[in-house]
Amino acid sequence: MKVKTISRVEMDFTQEVKSDKLKVFRNYDPALHPFERPREYTRALNAVKMERLFAKPFIGALDGHCDGVTALATNPKSLVAFVSGAADGEVRVWDLPRRKCVWNVYGHRGFVRGLAVTPDGNTFYSCSEDKSVKQWALRVKEEDEDAPTALATYTSKEPFLGIDHHLSQNMFATCGSKVQVWDPSRSTPTHEFAWGVDSINSVHFNPAEASLLASTGSDRNITLYDIRIASSMRKIIMEMRSNALAWNPMEPMNFTVANEDHNLYTIDMRKMERAMMVHKDHVSAVMDVAYSPTGREFVAGSYDRTVRIFNVRSAKSREVYHTQRMQRIFSVKFSADSNFVLSGSDDTNIRIWKAEASKKLSKVAPRERRKMEYNESLKERYQHLREISRISKYRHVPKAIKKAAQAKREASGREQKKMANRRAHAKEGAVPHTNIREKVIVKEME
């Protein structure tokens, strides 16, 4: 007679110390686990509830400015230093981990409209309405107690409204009444571009094409320029004015503009006759936009006193941040590691937020990390179920924003109903369907 026995080595099941985990044998046959799906659903529901419970995105506020913060710039080579500029002309260099101002100087006599850090991270430029651009040393050590002085000064006949430095070459671009490209070794611009008569409020170099840059103007235009041919390439006119522009660092053919109509538009520069995506949720003009270094997300700051984080492929925001004292937001930036968001507002403060609201900042044990990854996979698997979707998407917002969003939805519904009635009582084809992605682009010029 054949007898089957279970044979085990005692050393494999003996704890050397009390904290050792015992080996657990499991049979994964689905027939033995009829309640596997209900158990997983309960775990996913608990995971999404705990995620919202631990969502504490606000890290801290940096005070010191005496007027509204109008410009921010991060160091591409360091996670420590970043620069801020205010409406009273003050420029401050901050130590982000210590949340401390390293040095400050009143470098301008007007609004600081733009800041740009050089690719090596050693210097930065500031531009202002006082018709000057100044170069400063970006130091974060406090040994030097001397008052900081500008390394170089560049002047123009018109106020400067924006500035950006090239990502690889030693040149920078400014905008005002026209777009100007500067060589730091020369006191006059090497190139000048003008297409139209109104002022230009932002300019940015393309992260991949060394000679390409884009600008937004107060006459509702978005223009592309090419330094090689020393002229403008293409131009589109939108329904309303765009306040800021940001290129996607991973998909350099795409850029996102922050518009006065409360929306953001992602546009492919190869097909500028229509927007790729319309990002909605703000209830007031969007003042600034900045991409994450990963290129998958961007952050937007609005006049409605909120900061929102959007996925590039999503029309709705993933997160919304607000505080009781935060006022209109004029500048936003992602940190170089894409883990933090900086926002500068009209209440003179700079606020630091987590990019992932419920992410743990301290060290995570391997066992805890595996648990977190398991919870993420469960939330992704059951994200379309009603209760989990409701809890995951819900965000508390101030009453004023909630009422404004409700009014926008009602107005949109009335407009859709009116157009449907017109089509029902008009000749076929007389009232065409208009896509908002094409409607916002009024005209394209070359």
Protein backbone atom coordinates (compact mmCIF):
# COMPACT_ATOMS: atom_id res chain seq x y z
CA MET A 1 0.00 0.00 0.00
CA LYS A 2 1.32 3.48 -0.99
CA VAL A 3 1.03 6.20 1.65
CA LYS A 4 1.59 9.90 0.77
CA THR A 5 3.13 12.01 3.51
CA ILE A 6 4.02 15.68 3.86
CA SER A 7 7.73 16.04 4.40
CA ARG A 8 9.16 19.40 5.43
CA VAL A 9 12.59 20.58 6.52
CA GLU A 10 12.38 21.96 10.03
CA MET A 11 14.97 24.68 9.39
CA ASP A 12 12.78 26.24 6.68
CA PHE A 13 9.99 26.83 9.20
CA THR A 14 11.98 27.86 12.26
CA GLN A 15 12.15 31.52 13.24
CA GLU A 16 15.68 32.71 13.94
CA VAL A 17 14.32 35.87 15.55
CA LYS A 18 10.85 36.71 16.75
CA SER A 19 10.21 39.19 13.91
CA ASP A 20 10.78 36.62 11.14
CA LYS A 21 7.74 35.89 8.99
CA LEU A 22 6.53 32.32 8.69
CA LYS A 23 6.08 30.86 5.24
CA VAL A 24 2.41 30.56 4.33
CA PHE A 25 1.21 28.00 1.78
CA ARG A 26 -1.67 29.06 -0.45
CA ASN A 27 -3.67 27.32 -3.12
CA TYR A 28 -4.68 29.75 -5.87
CA ASP A 29 -7.29 27.50 -7.45
CA PRO A 30 -10.32 29.76 -8.23
CA ALA A 31 -12.69 26.97 -7.27
CA LEU A 32 -11.45 27.23 -3.68
CA HIS A 33 -12.02 31.00 -3.53
CA PRO A 34 -15.59 31.76 -4.66
CA PHE A 35 -15.62 35.12 -2.85
CA GLU A 36 -12.37 36.43 -4.34
CA ARG A 37 -14.00 39.28 -6.29
CA PRO A 38 -16.15 40.56 -3.39
CA ARG A 39 -13.07 40.52 -1.14
CA GLU A 40 -11.03 42.44 -3.72
CA TYR A 41 -13.82 44.97 -4.19
CA THR A 42 -13.96 45.57 -0.43
CA ARG A 43 -10.19 46.03 -0.33
CA ALA A 44 -10.33 48.46 -3.26
CA LEU A 45 -13.11 50.41 -1.56
CA ASN A 46 -11.12 50.61 1.68
CA ALA A 47 -7.99 51.61 -0.26
CA VAL A 48 -9.68 54.51 -2.04
CA LYS A 49 -11.27 55.67 1.24
CA MET A 50 -7.88 55.61 2.98
CA GLU A 51 -6.35 57.51 0.07
CA ARG A 52 -8.84 60.34 0.50
CA LEU A 53 -8.45 60.19 4.28
CA PHE A 54 -4.67 60.70 4.07
CA ALA A 55 -4.82 63.33 1.29
CA LYS A 56 -2.94 66.20 2.95
CA PRO A 57 -1.30 68.02 0.04
CA PHE A 58 -0.29 71.28 1.73
CA ILE A 59 3.31 71.22 2.99
CA GLY A 60 4.08 74.81 3.89
CA ALA A 61 4.00 78.50 2.97
CA LEU A 62 7.03 80.70 2.40
CA ASP A 63 6.46 84.28 3.51
CA GLY A 64 8.73 87.28 3.16
CA HIS A 65 7.53 89.07 0.05
CA CYS A 66 5.78 92.39 0.62
CA ASP A 67 3.70 92.24 -2.55
CA GLY A 68 2.06 89.65 -4.79
CA VAL A 69 4.32 86.93 -6.21
CA THR A 70 4.28 87.32 -9.99
CA ALA A 71 7.04 84.95 -11.20
CA LEU A 72 8.72 81.69 -10.20
CA ALA A 73 11.65 79.73 -11.64
CA THR A 74 13.16 76.39 -10.60
CA ASN A 75 16.74 75.19 -11.03
CA PRO A 76 17.02 72.40 -13.65
CA LYS A 77 20.20 71.08 -12.00
CA SER A 78 19.17 71.19 -8.34
CA LEU A 79 16.25 70.39 -6.07
CA VAL A 80 17.35 72.97 -3.50
CA ALA A 81 17.27 76.44 -5.05
CA PHE A 82 14.40 78.25 -6.69
CA VAL A 83 13.75 81.91 -7.44
CA SER A 84 10.71 84.15 -6.99
CA GLY A 85 9.86 87.68 -8.09
CA ALA A 86 7.23 90.06 -6.75
CA ALA A 87 5.19 93.02 -7.93
CA ASP A 88 7.34 95.46 -5.94
CA GLY A 89 10.51 94.51 -7.87
CA GLU A 90 11.96 92.21 -5.20
CA VAL A 91 13.81 89.04 -6.22
CA ARG A 92 14.33 86.24 -3.69
CA VAL A 93 16.37 83.03 -3.80
CA TRP A 94 14.98 80.22 -1.62
CA ASP A 95 16.32 77.01 -0.11
CA LEU A 96 13.43 74.60 -0.69
CA PRO A 97 14.33 71.80 1.81
CA ARG A 98 14.87 74.30 4.63
CA ARG A 99 12.01 76.57 3.47
CA LYS A 100 14.25 79.57 4.01
CA CYS A 101 15.12 82.66 2.00
CA VAL A 102 18.86 82.69 1.21
CA TRP A 103 19.07 86.24 -0.10
CA ASN A 104 16.83 88.93 -1.51
CA VAL A 105 17.33 92.15 -3.43
CA TYR A 106 15.10 94.89 -4.83
CA GLY A 107 16.52 94.52 -8.31
CA HIS A 108 13.79 96.31 -10.28
CA ARG A 109 11.60 99.38 -10.03
CA GLY A 110 8.49 97.66 -11.39
CA PHE A 111 6.73 94.30 -11.60
CA VAL A 112 9.06 91.32 -11.98
CA ARG A 113 7.36 89.82 -15.03
CA GLY A 114 9.61 86.83 -15.67
CA LEU A 115 12.46 84.68 -14.32
CA ALA A 116 14.64 82.17 -16.16
CA VAL A 117 17.45 79.94 -14.82
CA THR A 118 20.34 79.00 -17.10
CA PRO A 119 20.80 75.29 -17.99
CA ASP A 120 23.95 75.00 -15.84
CA GLY A 121 22.04 76.31 -12.80
CA ASN A 122 24.70 78.90 -11.88
CA THR A 123 22.92 82.10 -12.91
CA PHE A 124 19.41 83.36 -13.62
CA TYR A 125 17.77 86.28 -15.41
CA SER A 126 14.97 88.56 -14.26
CA CYS A 127 12.93 90.93 -16.42
CA SER A 128 10.65 93.74 -15.39
CA GLU A 129 8.40 96.53 -16.56
CA ASP A 130 11.24 98.98 -15.83
CA LYS A 131 12.66 98.06 -19.30
CA SER A 132 15.60 96.07 -17.94
CA VAL A 133 16.81 92.47 -17.82
CA LYS A 134 19.34 91.59 -15.13
CA GLN A 135 21.59 88.58 -14.67
CA TRP A 136 22.23 87.29 -11.14
CA ALA A 137 24.39 84.59 -9.56
CA LEU A 138 22.25 81.73 -8.23
CA ARG A 139 23.97 80.92 -4.95
CA VAL A 140 22.36 79.19 -1.99
CA LYS A 141 25.26 79.42 0.46
CA GLU A 142 25.13 82.07 3.14
CA GLU A 143 28.88 82.62 3.64
CA ASP A 144 28.86 85.68 1.40
CA GLU A 145 27.15 88.42 3.39
CA ASP A 146 27.65 91.12 0.75
CA ALA A 147 24.60 92.58 -0.92
CA PRO A 148 23.94 90.76 -4.20
CA THR A 149 24.63 92.76 -7.34
CA ALA A 150 23.63 92.11 -10.93
CA LEU A 151 26.28 90.46 -13.10
CA ALA A 152 24.92 92.14 -16.24
CA THR A 153 22.09 94.46 -17.25
CA TYR A 154 20.30 94.65 -20.60
CA THR A 155 17.97 97.53 -21.42
CA SER A 156 15.31 98.21 -24.02
CA LYS A 157 12.94 100.98 -25.06
CA GLU A 158 9.83 99.00 -24.09
CA PRO A 159 8.87 97.10 -20.91
CA PHE A 160 9.63 93.38 -20.75
CA LEU A 161 6.67 91.08 -20.08
CA GLY A 162 8.34 87.66 -20.22
CA ILE A 163 11.65 85.84 -20.50
CA ASP A 164 12.90 82.32 -21.22
CA HIS A 165 16.38 80.81 -21.53
CA HIS A 166 17.40 78.28 -24.15
CA LEU A 167 17.72 74.72 -22.81
CA SER A 168 21.10 74.00 -24.43
CA GLN A 169 22.55 77.17 -25.96
CA ASN A 170 23.73 80.36 -24.30
CA MET A 171 20.90 82.65 -25.38
CA PHE A 172 17.64 83.94 -23.96
CA ALA A 173 14.45 85.43 -25.38
CA THR A 174 12.32 88.28 -24.07
CA CYS A 175 8.92 89.62 -25.07
CA GLY A 176 7.11 92.93 -24.82
CA SER A 177 6.05 94.85 -27.87
CA LYS A 178 8.09 92.30 -29.87
CA VAL A 179 10.02 89.07 -29.36
CA GLN A 180 13.76 89.61 -28.96
CA VAL A 181 16.52 86.98 -28.85
CA TRP A 182 19.64 87.98 -26.92
CA ASP A 183 23.24 86.84 -26.74
CA PRO A 184 24.51 87.46 -23.16
CA SER A 185 27.81 88.79 -24.53
CA ARG A 186 26.05 91.58 -26.46
CA SER A 187 24.09 94.57 -25.24
CA THR A 188 21.60 94.52 -28.13
CA PRO A 189 19.31 91.70 -29.32
CA THR A 190 20.53 89.47 -32.15
CA HIS A 191 17.02 88.83 -33.53
CA GLU A 192 13.73 90.70 -33.37
CA PHE A 193 10.31 89.35 -34.38
CA ALA A 194 7.04 91.25 -34.66
CA TRP A 195 3.72 90.12 -36.17
CA GLY A 196 0.90 92.41 -35.14
CA VAL A 197 0.69 95.53 -33.03
CA ASP A 198 -0.33 94.33 -29.56
CA SER A 199 1.97 93.32 -26.72
CA ILE A 200 3.31 89.78 -26.24
CA ASN A 201 2.94 88.44 -22.70
CA SER A 202 4.91 85.14 -22.77
CA VAL A 203 7.61 83.44 -24.84
CA HIS A 204 9.16 79.97 -24.57
CA PHE A 205 11.83 77.99 -26.43
CA ASN A 206 10.96 74.54 -27.75
CA PRO A 207 12.71 71.84 -25.65
CA ALA A 208 13.80 69.81 -28.71
CA GLU A 209 14.04 72.16 -31.70
CA ALA A 210 16.88 74.54 -30.85
CA SER A 211 15.73 77.33 -33.16
CA LEU A 212 11.98 77.25 -32.49
CA LEU A 213 10.08 79.38 -29.99
CA ALA A 214 6.44 80.24 -29.35
CA SER A 215 4.69 83.26 -27.88
CA THR A 216 1.22 84.36 -26.78
CA GLY A 217 -0.07 87.88 -27.38
CA SER A 218 -2.74 90.15 -25.97
CA ASP A 219 -4.50 90.21 -29.38
CA ARG A 220 -5.46 86.52 -28.83
CA ASN A 221 -2.66 85.15 -31.03
CA ILE A 222 -0.24 82.24 -30.60
CA THR A 223 2.80 82.59 -32.85
CA LEU A 224 5.69 80.28 -33.78
CA TYR A 225 9.10 81.74 -34.70
CA ASP A 226 12.19 80.21 -36.30
CA ILE A 227 15.57 81.79 -35.53
CA ARG A 228 17.23 80.15 -38.56
CA ILE A 229 15.07 82.01 -41.07
CA ALA A 230 14.77 85.05 -38.78
CA SER A 231 11.01 85.33 -39.25
CA SER A 232 7.64 84.17 -37.99
CA MET A 233 6.38 80.78 -39.16
CA ARG A 234 2.74 80.32 -38.20
CA LYS A 235 0.11 82.12 -36.20
CA ILE A 236 -3.33 81.25 -34.89
CA ILE A 237 -5.96 83.55 -33.40
CA MET A 238 -8.16 82.17 -30.63
CA GLU A 239 -11.53 83.31 -29.33
CA MET A 240 -10.01 84.76 -26.16
CA ARG A 241 -6.56 85.75 -24.96
CA SER A 242 -3.99 83.24 -23.75
CA ASN A 243 -2.06 84.24 -20.63
CA ALA A 244 0.73 81.64 -20.61
CA LEU A 245 2.25 78.85 -22.66
CA ALA A 246 4.22 75.70 -21.77
CA TRP A 247 5.87 73.07 -23.99
CA ASN A 248 5.58 69.38 -23.18
CA PRO A 249 9.17 68.26 -22.37
CA MET A 250 8.56 64.66 -23.49
CA GLU A 251 6.40 65.44 -26.54
CA PRO A 252 8.04 68.64 -27.82
CA MET A 253 5.60 69.02 -30.71
CA ASN A 254 2.76 69.74 -28.24
CA PHE A 255 2.19 72.78 -26.06
CA THR A 256 -0.52 73.89 -23.64
CA VAL A 257 -1.89 77.41 -23.31
CA ALA A 258 -3.74 78.93 -20.35
CA ASN A 259 -6.71 80.91 -21.63
CA GLU A 260 -8.99 83.66 -20.38
CA ASP A 261 -12.08 81.52 -21.09
CA HIS A 262 -11.34 79.38 -17.98
CA ASN A 263 -9.92 76.49 -20.07
CA LEU A 264 -6.53 75.16 -21.11
CA TYR A 265 -5.86 73.92 -24.63
CA THR A 266 -3.24 71.39 -25.72
CA ILE A 267 -2.24 72.03 -29.33
CA ASP A 268 -0.03 70.15 -31.78
CA MET A 269 2.18 72.66 -33.60
CA ARG A 270 1.95 70.48 -36.74
CA LYS A 271 -1.88 70.76 -36.80
CA MET A 272 -2.75 74.08 -35.28
CA GLU A 273 -6.18 74.33 -36.90
CA ARG A 274 -7.72 72.43 -33.96
CA ALA A 275 -6.88 71.72 -30.32
CA MET A 276 -5.88 68.20 -29.31
CA MET A 277 -7.52 68.43 -25.89
CA VAL A 278 -9.62 70.94 -23.96
CA HIS A 279 -8.93 70.89 -20.21
CA LYS A 280 -11.84 72.21 -18.15
CA ASP A 281 -12.61 72.72 -14.45
CA HIS A 282 -11.48 76.25 -13.60
CA VAL A 283 -14.21 78.84 -13.10
CA SER A 284 -12.08 81.91 -13.82
CA ALA A 285 -9.21 82.96 -16.07
CA VAL A 286 -6.20 80.63 -16.03
CA MET A 287 -3.08 82.70 -15.32
CA ASP A 288 -0.18 80.25 -15.60
CA VAL A 289 0.66 76.69 -16.63
CA ALA A 290 3.76 74.53 -16.11
CA TYR A 291 4.60 70.97 -17.12
CA SER A 292 5.97 68.20 -14.97
CA PRO A 293 9.45 66.94 -16.02
CA THR A 294 7.78 63.61 -16.84
CA GLY A 295 5.57 65.28 -19.46
CA ARG A 296 2.51 63.35 -18.25
CA GLU A 297 0.96 66.10 -16.13
CA PHE A 298 0.84 69.85 -15.87
CA VAL A 299 -0.23 72.28 -13.17
CA ALA A 300 -2.38 75.36 -13.71
CA GLY A 301 -3.00 78.36 -11.47
CA SER A 302 -6.14 80.42 -11.86
CA TYR A 303 -7.77 83.68 -10.87
CA ASP A 304 -10.37 81.60 -8.99
CA ARG A 305 -7.79 80.99 -6.20
CA THR A 306 -7.19 77.30 -6.95
CA VAL A 307 -4.31 75.19 -8.22
CA ARG A 308 -5.29 72.23 -10.40
CA ILE A 309 -3.22 69.31 -11.68
CA PHE A 310 -4.26 67.83 -15.02
CA ASN A 311 -3.29 64.68 -16.84
CA VAL A 312 -2.23 65.46 -20.40
CA ARG A 313 -4.81 63.00 -21.80
CA SER A 314 -7.66 64.03 -19.51
CA ALA A 315 -10.17 66.85 -19.87
CA LYS A 316 -10.84 67.03 -16.11
CA SER A 317 -8.38 67.88 -13.35
CA ARG A 318 -6.93 65.13 -11.18
CA GLU A 319 -6.40 67.33 -8.10
CA VAL A 320 -7.53 70.73 -6.90
CA TYR A 321 -5.70 72.60 -4.12
CA HIS A 322 -6.94 75.64 -2.20
CA THR A 323 -6.63 77.28 1.20
CA GLN A 324 -8.71 79.87 3.02
CA ARG A 325 -6.06 82.60 2.78
CA MET A 326 -4.73 81.93 -0.72
CA GLN A 327 -5.68 84.63 -3.23
CA ARG A 328 -5.35 84.93 -7.01
CA ILE A 329 -2.57 82.72 -8.37
CA PHE A 330 -0.17 84.27 -10.88
CA SER A 331 2.61 81.68 -11.16
CA VAL A 332 3.01 77.91 -10.73
CA LYS A 333 5.91 75.51 -11.16
CA PHE A 334 6.74 71.81 -10.76
CA SER A 335 9.88 70.86 -8.85
CA ALA A 336 12.69 69.21 -10.82
CA ASP A 337 11.79 65.76 -9.41
CA SER A 338 8.05 66.25 -10.19
CA ASN A 339 7.10 65.44 -6.58
CA PHE A 340 6.17 68.96 -5.52
CA VAL A 341 4.24 71.95 -6.86
CA LEU A 342 5.04 75.59 -6.12
CA SER A 343 2.44 78.34 -6.40
CA GLY A 344 2.83 82.10 -6.04
CA SER A 345 -0.26 84.15 -5.28
CA ASP A 346 -1.48 87.67 -4.66
CA ASP A 347 -1.34 87.25 -0.87
CA THR A 348 2.51 87.56 -0.96
CA ASN A 349 3.05 83.87 -0.12
CA ILE A 350 4.63 80.97 -1.97
CA ARG A 351 3.01 77.64 -1.16
CA ILE A 352 4.50 74.16 -1.46
CA TRP A 353 2.18 71.27 -2.34
CA LYS A 354 2.60 67.57 -2.89
CA ALA A 355 2.02 66.48 -6.48
CA GLU A 356 0.37 63.32 -5.10
CA ALA A 357 -1.92 64.48 -2.31
CA SER A 358 -1.82 61.23 -0.27
CA LYS A 359 1.78 60.24 -1.01
CA LYS A 360 3.94 59.41 2.00
CA LEU A 361 7.08 61.55 2.11
CA SER A 362 9.00 59.53 4.70
CA LYS A 363 10.93 56.34 4.02
CA VAL A 364 8.73 53.40 3.02
CA ALA A 365 9.54 49.84 4.12
CA PRO A 366 9.58 47.15 1.40
CA ARG A 367 6.55 45.41 2.87
CA GLU A 368 4.63 48.67 3.03
CA ARG A 369 5.61 49.48 -0.55
CA ARG A 370 4.27 46.14 -1.76
CA LYS A 371 1.01 46.83 0.05
CA MET A 372 0.74 50.27 -1.57
CA GLU A 373 1.40 48.82 -5.03
CA TYR A 374 -1.26 46.16 -4.41
CA ASN A 375 -3.78 48.84 -3.39
CA GLU A 376 -2.98 50.86 -6.52
CA SER A 377 -3.59 47.84 -8.73
CA LEU A 378 -6.93 47.21 -6.99
CA LYS A 379 -8.02 50.83 -7.44
CA GLU A 380 -7.10 50.70 -11.11
CA ARG A 381 -9.00 47.43 -11.62
CA TYR A 382 -12.21 48.64 -9.96
CA GLN A 383 -12.00 52.35 -10.85
CA HIS A 384 -15.11 52.24 -13.07
CA LEU A 385 -17.44 50.94 -10.37
CA ARG A 386 -19.85 53.62 -9.19
CA GLU A 387 -18.98 53.88 -5.50
CA ILE A 388 -15.22 53.73 -6.00
CA SER A 389 -15.38 56.25 -8.85
CA ARG A 390 -17.50 58.63 -6.76
CA ILE A 391 -15.16 58.55 -3.76
CA SER A 392 -12.02 58.81 -5.89
CA LYS A 393 -13.21 61.82 -7.90
CA TYR A 394 -14.86 63.84 -5.14
CA ARG A 395 -12.98 66.99 -4.10
CA HIS A 396 -14.16 69.58 -1.61
CA VAL A 397 -14.04 73.10 -3.05
CA PRO A 398 -15.12 76.47 -1.61
CA LYS A 399 -18.78 77.37 -1.91
CA ALA A 400 -18.11 80.22 -4.37
CA ILE A 401 -16.30 77.89 -6.78
CA LYS A 402 -18.98 75.23 -6.44
CA LYS A 403 -21.73 77.74 -7.25
CA ALA A 404 -19.75 79.15 -10.19
CA ALA A 405 -19.16 75.66 -11.61
CA GLN A 406 -22.87 74.89 -11.25
CA ALA A 407 -23.76 78.11 -13.08
CA LYS A 408 -21.35 77.20 -15.90
CA ARG A 409 -22.93 73.76 -16.26
CA GLU A 410 -26.42 75.27 -16.40
CA ALA A 411 -25.35 77.81 -19.01
CA SER A 412 -23.74 75.08 -21.10
CA GLY A 413 -26.89 72.98 -20.86
CA ARG A 414 -29.05 75.91 -21.97
CA GLU A 415 -26.77 76.56 -24.95
CA GLN A 416 -26.87 72.92 -26.02
CA LYS A 417 -30.66 72.84 -25.71
CA LYS A 418 -30.99 76.04 -27.75
CA MET A 419 -28.79 74.67 -30.55
CA ALA A 420 -30.74 71.39 -30.55
CA ASN A 421 -34.01 73.31 -30.94
CA ARG A 422 -32.55 75.33 -33.80
CA ARG A 423 -31.48 72.19 -35.64
CA ALA A 424 -34.89 70.60 -35.09
CA HIS A 425 -36.72 73.56 -36.67
CA ALA A 426 -34.24 74.49 -39.40
CA LYS A 427 -33.35 73.09 -42.77
CA GLU A 428 -31.08 70.07 -42.61
CA GLY A 429 -27.46 71.21 -42.49
CA ALA A 430 -28.35 74.87 -41.88
CA VAL A 431 -27.14 74.71 -38.25
CA PRO A 432 -23.97 72.59 -38.29
CA HIS A 433 -22.48 70.83 -35.28
CA THR A 434 -19.40 72.71 -34.01
CA ASN A 435 -16.65 71.01 -32.07
CA ILE A 436 -15.19 73.13 -29.27
CA ARG A 437 -11.69 72.00 -30.29
CA GLU A 438 -12.16 73.67 -33.66
CA LYS A 439 -14.41 76.49 -32.48
CA VAL A 440 -11.76 78.10 -30.25
CA ILE A 441 -9.33 78.46 -33.19
CA VAL A 442 -10.75 81.43 -35.07
CA LYS A 443 -8.09 81.80 -37.76
CA GLU A 444 -4.78 80.30 -38.87
CA MET A 445 -2.15 82.35 -40.69
CA GLU A 446 1.19 81.46 -42.28
